[in-house]
Amino acid sequence: MRKSIRRIGGVVAATAVAGGVMVAAAAPAQAGFVTPVYGMTCDTGYNSSYRAWGVCWAPIPAKWKLRVDCTFGGTYDTIWHYPPQNEWYRIDHHVSCNIGVNSVHVVEGT
């Protein structure tokens, strides 16, 4: 394991690097919204091919899926996902809304 130390604005920051992968504690950044059931910090969107995505950071074990409402009228859900707590988890929706996307939602299970 190799340690690198940098001075940032008078503050020393240390990171551990193992096999070329940075090891650091994941902390939630500011995102689009916080979910009501699990308190997940999430953001959603879609790319230029109209494929939806969602990314969430869960402070506790959670169950969630992504729901995309396409412009042409279809609404599609992913399967349920059970990501580990205290980590960012991304879902990429497999359906492409060929014309456009009306909305992308995180649906929480109980």
C-alpha atoms as a PDB file:
ATOM      1  CA  MET A   1       0.000   0.000   0.000  1.00  0.00           C
ATOM      2  CA  ARG A   2       1.259   3.453  -0.854  1.00  0.00           C
ATOM      3  CA  LYS A   3       0.225   6.642   0.903  1.00  0.00           C
ATOM      4  CA  SER A   4       0.186  10.013  -0.759  1.00  0.00           C
ATOM      5  CA  ILE A   5      -0.007  13.234   1.211  1.00  0.00           C
ATOM      6  CA  ARG A   6      -1.001  16.556  -0.295  1.00  0.00           C
ATOM      7  CA  ARG A   7      -1.220  19.998   1.216  1.00  0.00           C
ATOM      8  CA  ILE A   8      -4.436  21.712   0.232  1.00  0.00           C
ATOM      9  CA  GLY A   9      -4.814  25.325   1.339  1.00  0.00           C
ATOM     10  CA  GLY A  10      -2.830  24.791   4.522  1.00  0.00           C
ATOM     11  CA  VAL A  11      -4.572  21.487   5.313  1.00  0.00           C
ATOM     12  CA  VAL A  12      -2.856  18.161   4.859  1.00  0.00           C
ATOM     13  CA  ALA A  13      -4.945  15.487   3.138  1.00  0.00           C
ATOM     14  CA  ALA A  14      -3.859  11.855   3.122  1.00  0.00           C
ATOM     15  CA  THR A  15      -5.207   9.153   0.863  1.00  0.00           C
ATOM     16  CA  ALA A  16      -4.379   5.484   0.663  1.00  0.00           C
ATOM     17  CA  VAL A  17      -3.863   3.864  -2.707  1.00  0.00           C
ATOM     18  CA  ALA A  18      -3.965   0.080  -3.077  1.00  0.00           C
ATOM     19  CA  GLY A  19      -3.344  -1.440  -6.497  1.00  0.00           C
ATOM     20  CA  GLY A  20      -4.101   1.813  -8.304  1.00  0.00           C
ATOM     21  CA  VAL A  21      -7.545   2.170  -6.736  1.00  0.00           C
ATOM     22  CA  MET A  22      -8.197   5.011  -4.330  1.00  0.00           C
ATOM     23  CA  VAL A  23      -9.590   3.864  -1.003  1.00  0.00           C
ATOM     24  CA  ALA A  24     -11.651   6.513   0.744  1.00  0.00           C
ATOM     25  CA  ALA A  25     -14.777   6.752   2.850  1.00  0.00           C
ATOM     26  CA  ALA A  26     -17.786   7.536   0.701  1.00  0.00           C
ATOM     27  CA  ALA A  27     -19.695  10.585   1.855  1.00  0.00           C
ATOM     28  CA  PRO A  28     -22.805  11.877   0.154  1.00  0.00           C
ATOM     29  CA  ALA A  29     -22.388  14.939  -1.992  1.00  0.00           C
ATOM     30  CA  GLN A  30     -25.196  17.361  -2.577  1.00  0.00           C
ATOM     31  CA  ALA A  31     -27.646  15.775  -4.999  1.00  0.00           C
ATOM     32  CA  GLY A  32     -31.072  16.453  -6.427  1.00  0.00           C
ATOM     33  CA  PHE A  33     -33.234  15.153  -3.564  1.00  0.00           C
ATOM     34  CA  VAL A  34     -33.506  13.030  -0.415  1.00  0.00           C
ATOM     35  CA  THR A  35     -35.949  10.118  -0.429  1.00  0.00           C
ATOM     36  CA  PRO A  36     -38.678   9.883   2.243  1.00  0.00           C
ATOM     37  CA  VAL A  37     -38.431   6.188   3.250  1.00  0.00           C
ATOM     38  CA  TYR A  38     -34.688   5.466   3.539  1.00  0.00           C
ATOM     39  CA  GLY A  39     -33.313   9.010   3.518  1.00  0.00           C
ATOM     40  CA  MET A  40     -31.188   8.285   0.459  1.00  0.00           C
ATOM     41  CA  THR A  41     -29.401  11.147  -1.254  1.00  0.00           C
ATOM     42  CA  CYS A  42     -30.237  10.727  -4.955  1.00  0.00           C
ATOM     43  CA  ASP A  43     -30.021  12.243  -8.386  1.00  0.00           C
ATOM     44  CA  THR A  44     -31.660  11.099 -11.625  1.00  0.00           C
ATOM     45  CA  GLY A  45     -31.441  11.972 -15.289  1.00  0.00           C
ATOM     46  CA  TYR A  46     -31.036  10.607 -18.796  1.00  0.00           C
ATOM     47  CA  ASN A  47     -28.427  10.673 -21.519  1.00  0.00           C
ATOM     48  CA  SER A  48     -28.578  11.796 -25.156  1.00  0.00           C
ATOM     49  CA  SER A  49     -29.988   8.373 -26.175  1.00  0.00           C
ATOM     50  CA  TYR A  50     -32.899   8.909 -23.743  1.00  0.00           C
ATOM     51  CA  ARG A  51     -31.725   6.126 -21.432  1.00  0.00           C
ATOM     52  CA  ALA A  52     -32.544   6.955 -17.823  1.00  0.00           C
ATOM     53  CA  TRP A  53     -30.188   6.622 -14.857  1.00  0.00           C
ATOM     54  CA  GLY A  54     -30.371   7.078 -11.108  1.00  0.00           C
ATOM     55  CA  VAL A  55     -27.685   7.231  -8.461  1.00  0.00           C
ATOM     56  CA  CYS A  56     -28.265   7.101  -4.697  1.00  0.00           C
ATOM     57  CA  TRP A  57     -26.281   6.987  -1.450  1.00  0.00           C
ATOM     58  CA  ALA A  58     -28.121   5.095   1.292  1.00  0.00           C
ATOM     59  CA  PRO A  59     -27.244   5.600   4.982  1.00  0.00           C
ATOM     60  CA  ILE A  60     -29.031   2.292   5.811  1.00  0.00           C
ATOM     61  CA  PRO A  61     -29.819  -0.865   3.798  1.00  0.00           C
ATOM     62  CA  ALA A  62     -32.398   0.079   1.175  1.00  0.00           C
ATOM     63  CA  LYS A  63     -34.624  -1.359  -1.545  1.00  0.00           C
ATOM     64  CA  TRP A  64     -35.233   0.775  -4.625  1.00  0.00           C
ATOM     65  CA  LYS A  65     -35.815   0.779  -8.344  1.00  0.00           C
ATOM     66  CA  LEU A  66     -35.938   3.300 -11.145  1.00  0.00           C
ATOM     67  CA  ARG A  67     -39.132   4.293 -12.996  1.00  0.00           C
ATOM     68  CA  VAL A  68     -38.934   6.155 -16.301  1.00  0.00           C
ATOM     69  CA  ASP A  69     -41.907   7.782 -18.005  1.00  0.00           C
ATOM     70  CA  CYS A  70     -41.260   8.081 -21.737  1.00  0.00           C
ATOM     71  CA  THR A  71     -42.652  10.868 -23.912  1.00  0.00           C
ATOM     72  CA  PHE A  72     -44.410   8.401 -26.230  1.00  0.00           C
ATOM     73  CA  GLY A  73     -46.514   7.182 -23.290  1.00  0.00           C
ATOM     74  CA  GLY A  74     -44.726   4.133 -21.882  1.00  0.00           C
ATOM     75  CA  THR A  75     -43.713   3.821 -18.222  1.00  0.00           C
ATOM     76  CA  TYR A  76     -40.985   1.302 -17.383  1.00  0.00           C
ATOM     77  CA  ASP A  77     -39.483   0.054 -14.111  1.00  0.00           C
ATOM     78  CA  THR A  78     -36.169  -1.656 -13.420  1.00  0.00           C
ATOM     79  CA  ILE A  79     -36.010  -4.665 -11.134  1.00  0.00           C
ATOM     80  CA  TRP A  80     -35.639  -4.040  -7.381  1.00  0.00           C
ATOM     81  CA  HIS A  81     -32.093  -3.314  -6.232  1.00  0.00           C
ATOM     82  CA  TYR A  82     -30.669  -3.852  -2.735  1.00  0.00           C
ATOM     83  CA  PRO A  83     -27.444  -1.819  -2.653  1.00  0.00           C
ATOM     84  CA  PRO A  84     -25.034  -1.811   0.284  1.00  0.00           C
ATOM     85  CA  GLN A  85     -25.341   1.016   2.787  1.00  0.00           C
ATOM     86  CA  ASN A  86     -22.936   3.974   2.867  1.00  0.00           C
ATOM     87  CA  GLU A  87     -22.001   3.592  -0.799  1.00  0.00           C
ATOM     88  CA  TRP A  88     -23.060   5.291  -4.022  1.00  0.00           C
ATOM     89  CA  TYR A  89     -25.105   2.942  -6.196  1.00  0.00           C
ATOM     90  CA  ARG A  90     -26.087   3.600  -9.806  1.00  0.00           C
ATOM     91  CA  ILE A  91     -28.881   2.061 -11.845  1.00  0.00           C
ATOM     92  CA  ASP A  92     -28.848   2.453 -15.618  1.00  0.00           C
ATOM     93  CA  HIS A  93     -32.259   1.755 -17.141  1.00  0.00           C
ATOM     94  CA  HIS A  94     -32.149  -0.708 -20.043  1.00  0.00           C
ATOM     95  CA  VAL A  95     -35.100   0.861 -21.904  1.00  0.00           C
ATOM     96  CA  SER A  96     -34.470   3.729 -24.310  1.00  0.00           C
ATOM     97  CA  CYS A  97     -37.265   6.294 -24.670  1.00  0.00           C
ATOM     98  CA  ASN A  98     -36.639   6.862 -28.380  1.00  0.00           C
ATOM     99  CA  ILE A  99     -38.439  10.209 -28.566  1.00  0.00           C
ATOM    100  CA  GLY A 100     -37.870  11.715 -25.133  1.00  0.00           C
ATOM    101  CA  VAL A 101     -38.197  11.357 -21.355  1.00  0.00           C
ATOM    102  CA  ASN A 102     -40.963  12.976 -19.294  1.00  0.00           C
ATOM    103  CA  SER A 103     -39.588  11.987 -15.886  1.00  0.00           C
ATOM    104  CA  VAL A 104     -37.264   9.658 -13.987  1.00  0.00           C
ATOM    105  CA  HIS A 105     -38.195   8.625 -10.422  1.00  0.00           C
ATOM    106  CA  VAL A 106     -36.628   6.617  -7.604  1.00  0.00           C
ATOM    107  CA  VAL A 107     -39.242   4.207  -6.213  1.00  0.00           C
ATOM    108  CA  GLU A 108     -38.540   2.926  -2.699  1.00  0.00           C
ATOM    109  CA  GLY A 109     -39.747  -0.453  -1.475  1.00  0.00           C
ATOM    110  CA  THR A 110     -40.609  -1.433   2.072  1.00  0.00           C
END
